[in-house]
Protein backbone atom coordinates (compact mmCIF):
# COMPACT_ATOMS: atom_id res chain seq x y z
CA MET A 1 -15.00 -18.93 0.91
CA ASP A 2 -15.07 -16.65 -2.15
CA PRO A 3 -11.73 -15.76 -3.84
CA PHE A 4 -11.51 -12.35 -2.30
CA SER A 5 -12.10 -13.60 1.24
CA ARG A 6 -9.78 -16.61 0.74
CA SER A 7 -6.90 -14.51 -0.67
CA TRP A 8 -7.32 -11.79 1.91
CA ALA A 9 -7.55 -14.06 4.84
CA ALA A 10 -4.43 -15.92 3.74
CA LEU A 11 -2.47 -12.72 3.30
CA ARG A 12 -3.48 -11.40 6.67
CA THR A 13 -2.55 -14.73 8.31
CA ALA A 14 0.89 -14.49 6.57
CA VAL A 15 1.44 -11.15 8.11
CA ALA A 16 0.32 -12.27 11.56
CA GLU A 17 2.93 -15.10 11.44
CA LEU A 18 5.72 -12.78 10.71
CA SER A 19 8.55 -12.49 13.36
CA ASN A 20 9.81 -9.02 14.27
CA LYS A 21 12.98 -9.67 12.36
CA ASP A 22 10.96 -10.52 9.22
CA PHE A 23 9.69 -6.97 9.06
CA GLY A 24 13.19 -5.66 8.37
CA ARG A 25 13.75 -8.17 5.52
CA PRO A 26 13.34 -7.03 1.84
CA SER A 27 10.14 -7.76 0.15
CA GLY A 28 9.41 -8.67 -3.53
CA CYS A 29 8.44 -4.93 -4.12
CA THR A 30 11.48 -2.90 -5.32
CA GLY A 31 12.66 -0.44 -2.70
CA TRP A 32 10.26 -1.78 0.01
CA LEU A 33 11.04 -3.81 3.11
CA VAL A 34 8.35 -6.20 4.43
CA ARG A 35 7.17 -3.50 6.94
CA ASP A 36 6.73 -1.09 4.01
CA LEU A 37 4.55 -3.64 2.14
CA VAL A 38 2.46 -4.26 5.30
CA CYS A 39 1.86 -0.55 5.62
CA HIS A 40 0.78 -0.51 1.97
CA LEU A 41 -1.68 -3.31 2.78
CA ILE A 42 -3.22 -1.19 5.54
CA ILE A 43 -3.82 1.55 2.93
CA ASP A 44 -5.25 -1.01 0.55
CA ALA A 45 -7.73 -2.22 3.17
CA GLN A 46 -8.74 1.43 3.83
CA ASP A 47 -9.29 1.92 0.00
CA VAL A 48 -11.63 -1.22 0.05
CA LEU A 49 -13.64 0.15 2.96
CA ILE A 50 -13.89 3.62 1.26
CA THR A 51 -14.92 2.16 -2.14
CA LEU A 52 -17.55 -0.14 -0.70
CA VAL A 53 -19.33 2.79 0.87
CA THR A 54 -19.09 4.97 -2.39
CA PRO A 55 -22.12 3.72 -4.31
CA THR A 56 -23.16 5.10 -7.68
CA ASP A 57 -25.90 4.72 -10.24
CA ALA A 58 -23.56 5.34 -13.14
CA ALA A 59 -22.97 2.55 -15.69
CA PRO A 60 -19.79 0.47 -15.14
CA THR A 61 -16.69 1.72 -16.98
CA ARG A 62 -14.38 -1.11 -16.05
CA ASP A 63 -14.60 -4.70 -15.03
CA ALA A 64 -12.17 -6.92 -12.95
CA VAL A 65 -9.69 -7.31 -15.88
CA THR A 66 -9.82 -3.70 -17.33
CA TYR A 67 -9.57 -2.20 -13.81
CA TRP A 68 -5.81 -2.76 -14.07
CA THR A 69 -3.56 -0.50 -16.15
CA ILE A 70 -0.26 -1.51 -17.55
CA ALA A 71 2.96 0.55 -17.12
CA GLU A 72 5.85 0.53 -19.55
CA THR A 73 8.61 0.20 -17.07
CA LEU A 74 9.28 -1.72 -13.84
CA PRO A 75 8.97 0.18 -10.55
CA THR A 76 12.25 1.56 -9.14
CA GLY A 77 11.03 2.56 -5.69
CA ASP A 78 11.58 6.19 -6.45
CA ASP A 79 7.99 7.17 -6.93
CA PRO A 80 6.87 9.81 -4.34
CA LEU A 81 4.01 7.61 -3.20
CA ASP A 82 6.32 4.63 -2.71
CA ALA A 83 8.69 6.81 -0.63
CA LEU A 84 5.79 8.02 1.47
CA ILE A 85 4.89 4.50 2.31
CA VAL A 86 8.39 3.92 3.60
CA ARG A 87 8.21 6.92 5.88
CA LEU A 88 4.75 5.95 7.14
CA ALA A 89 5.96 2.33 7.88
CA ALA A 90 9.04 3.62 9.77
CA ALA A 91 6.76 5.82 12.00
CA TYR A 92 5.15 2.70 13.43
CA GLN A 93 8.59 1.66 14.94
CA ASP A 94 7.19 -1.42 16.64
CA PRO A 95 6.12 -4.19 14.18
CA ALA A 96 3.34 -5.17 16.54
CA LEU A 97 1.65 -1.87 15.84
CA LEU A 98 1.61 -2.66 12.10
CA LYS A 99 0.25 -6.09 12.74
CA PHE A 100 -2.49 -4.60 15.05
CA HIS A 101 -3.49 -1.97 12.48
CA LEU A 102 -3.67 -4.40 9.60
CA ASP A 103 -5.66 -6.92 11.60
CA ASP A 104 -8.09 -4.16 12.74
CA VAL A 105 -8.65 -2.45 9.36
CA GLY A 106 -8.22 -5.63 7.43
CA SER A 107 -10.81 -7.52 9.32
CA ALA A 108 -13.22 -4.62 8.84
CA ALA A 109 -12.52 -4.69 5.10
CA GLY A 110 -13.14 -8.41 4.97
CA ARG A 111 -16.48 -8.17 6.77
CA ALA A 112 -17.52 -5.22 4.53
CA ALA A 113 -16.81 -7.35 1.47
CA GLU A 114 -18.94 -10.22 2.80
CA LEU A 115 -21.81 -8.00 3.62
CA ALA A 116 -21.75 -5.84 0.41
CA ASN A 117 -24.33 -6.34 -2.44
CA HIS A 118 -22.10 -7.77 -5.10
CA GLY A 119 -24.45 -6.60 -7.89
CA ALA A 120 -24.19 -2.92 -6.73
CA ARG A 121 -22.00 -0.42 -8.37
CA VAL A 122 -19.14 1.58 -6.75
CA SER A 123 -16.89 4.34 -7.82
CA THR A 124 -13.13 4.37 -7.36
CA GLN A 125 -10.36 6.39 -9.06
CA ASP A 126 -12.90 8.07 -11.32
CA GLN A 127 -14.11 4.55 -12.58
CA VAL A 128 -17.21 2.60 -11.92
CA LEU A 129 -17.39 -1.17 -11.28
CA THR A 130 -19.76 -3.65 -9.85
CA VAL A 131 -18.83 -4.73 -6.38
CA SER A 132 -18.19 -8.14 -7.65
CA ASP A 133 -15.70 -6.96 -10.31
CA TYR A 134 -13.98 -4.64 -7.87
CA LEU A 135 -13.45 -7.50 -5.29
CA SER A 136 -12.34 -9.86 -8.01
CA ALA A 137 -9.74 -7.36 -9.12
CA TYR A 138 -8.40 -7.28 -5.66
CA VAL A 139 -7.75 -11.04 -5.70
CA LEU A 140 -4.92 -10.24 -8.05
CA GLU A 141 -3.61 -7.54 -5.71
CA TRP A 142 -3.72 -9.83 -2.69
CA THR A 143 -2.14 -12.73 -4.36
CA LEU A 144 0.70 -10.81 -5.94
CA HIS A 145 1.46 -9.01 -2.67
CA HIS A 146 1.33 -12.33 -0.76
CA LEU A 147 4.15 -13.52 -3.13
CA ASP A 148 5.93 -10.20 -2.46
CA LEU A 149 5.61 -10.65 1.27
CA ILE A 150 7.23 -14.10 1.40
CA ALA A 151 9.77 -13.47 -1.46
CA HIS A 152 12.61 -13.77 0.98
CA LEU A 153 10.94 -15.88 3.61
CA PRO A 154 11.49 -19.47 2.37
CA ASP A 155 9.54 -21.06 5.22
CA ALA A 156 6.43 -18.97 4.78
CA ALA A 157 3.28 -20.46 3.15
CA ASP A 158 2.37 -19.66 -0.44
CA PRO A 159 -0.99 -18.16 -1.33
CA PRO A 160 -3.82 -20.73 -1.59
CA SER A 161 -3.66 -22.76 -4.73
CA LYS A 162 -7.15 -21.65 -5.73
CA THR A 163 -6.32 -18.08 -5.63
CA LEU A 164 -2.98 -18.64 -7.49
CA ALA A 165 -4.99 -20.36 -10.28
CA SER A 166 -7.65 -17.64 -10.47
CA THR A 167 -4.98 -14.89 -10.45
CA ARG A 168 -3.11 -16.64 -13.27
CA GLU A 169 -6.32 -16.76 -15.25
CA MET A 170 -6.86 -13.08 -14.70
CA LEU A 171 -3.33 -12.25 -15.76
CA GLU A 172 -3.76 -14.26 -18.93
CA LYS A 173 -6.89 -12.34 -19.74
CA ILE A 174 -4.98 -9.08 -19.15
CA VAL A 175 -2.15 -10.08 -21.48
CA GLY A 176 -4.46 -11.75 -23.96
CA ALA A 177 -2.42 -15.04 -24.02
CA THR A 178 -1.98 -18.24 -22.18
CA PHE A 179 1.18 -19.17 -20.19
CA PRO A 180 2.79 -22.55 -20.99
CA ALA A 181 1.17 -25.40 -19.04
CA SER A 182 4.68 -26.30 -17.94
CA LEU A 183 4.81 -23.26 -15.68
CA SER A 184 3.26 -23.61 -12.34
CA ASP A 185 0.69 -20.90 -11.37
CA LYS A 186 3.16 -19.32 -9.03
CA ASP A 187 5.95 -19.20 -11.58
CA ALA A 188 3.51 -17.89 -14.25
CA LEU A 189 2.64 -14.97 -11.92
CA LEU A 190 6.29 -14.23 -10.85
CA ILE A 191 7.65 -14.32 -14.40
CA GLY A 192 4.52 -12.66 -15.86
CA THR A 193 4.86 -9.59 -13.62
CA GLY A 194 8.59 -9.32 -13.71
CA ARG A 195 9.08 -10.62 -10.19
CA ARG A 196 11.42 -13.39 -11.46
CA VAL A 197 13.49 -13.69 -14.65
CA PRO A 198 12.61 -16.80 -16.64
CA THR A 199 15.30 -19.34 -17.29
CA ASP A 200 16.50 -19.91 -20.79
CA ALA A 201 14.25 -23.00 -21.09
CA GLU A 202 11.22 -21.09 -19.71
CA GLN A 203 11.99 -18.15 -22.15
CA ALA A 204 11.87 -20.55 -25.06
CA GLU A 205 8.55 -22.06 -23.87
CA LEU A 206 7.05 -18.56 -23.61
CA GLY A 207 7.67 -18.05 -27.26
CA GLU A 208 5.91 -14.98 -28.70
CA LEU A 209 4.39 -14.22 -25.26
CA ALA A 210 7.80 -13.33 -23.91
CA ALA A 211 7.73 -10.21 -26.02
CA LYS A 212 4.70 -8.94 -24.01
CA LEU A 213 6.28 -9.54 -20.66
CA PRO A 214 6.65 -8.43 -18.01
CA LEU A 215 3.23 -6.94 -17.20
CA VAL A 216 3.78 -4.05 -14.89
CA ILE A 217 0.30 -3.80 -13.37
CA GLY A 218 -0.96 -0.85 -11.36
């Protein structure tokens, strides 16, 4: 499986294995419950479908790394779009409906990615990327949100090791530095994106890189 398909399949499986009670637990996204995050994933899947059928002949303006922008402050959950997601998720009422909708749209997004010409160019958010770069960028999205999904679910499975490793590599390219080898891929991602505060020992090992963190990616 390619990294996009592997990371997306693992995330959808993690959602499918949630209990109804899990949907009411907090996620790793500030201000969002697990149900809110799952609703966001549905919208993400719709965006993938829309982008893959929005071809262009224009030259690429971004690649998998430069697709991402860096914000200066951590999210607070007060953003209007974040608040909209909360209202949309609440409208589902039954968690089974959220599961069904994600499985339905998510499966279609996965098939569309497999069938797409990875050398073609697509337009999204006023930017142009090759399909390959666009899907590679989403590996970071899926992997970080997988970590968000299971943030308070200790028995849930982590993202696949290969996607953790490839996402760490992408994050290092974004920040322009290498995380200490002593940090696991998961810890590097959690600390690097502000999802976990480093210990004093980890802070010391990060050295000058600590001044560039956390990376608030959007």
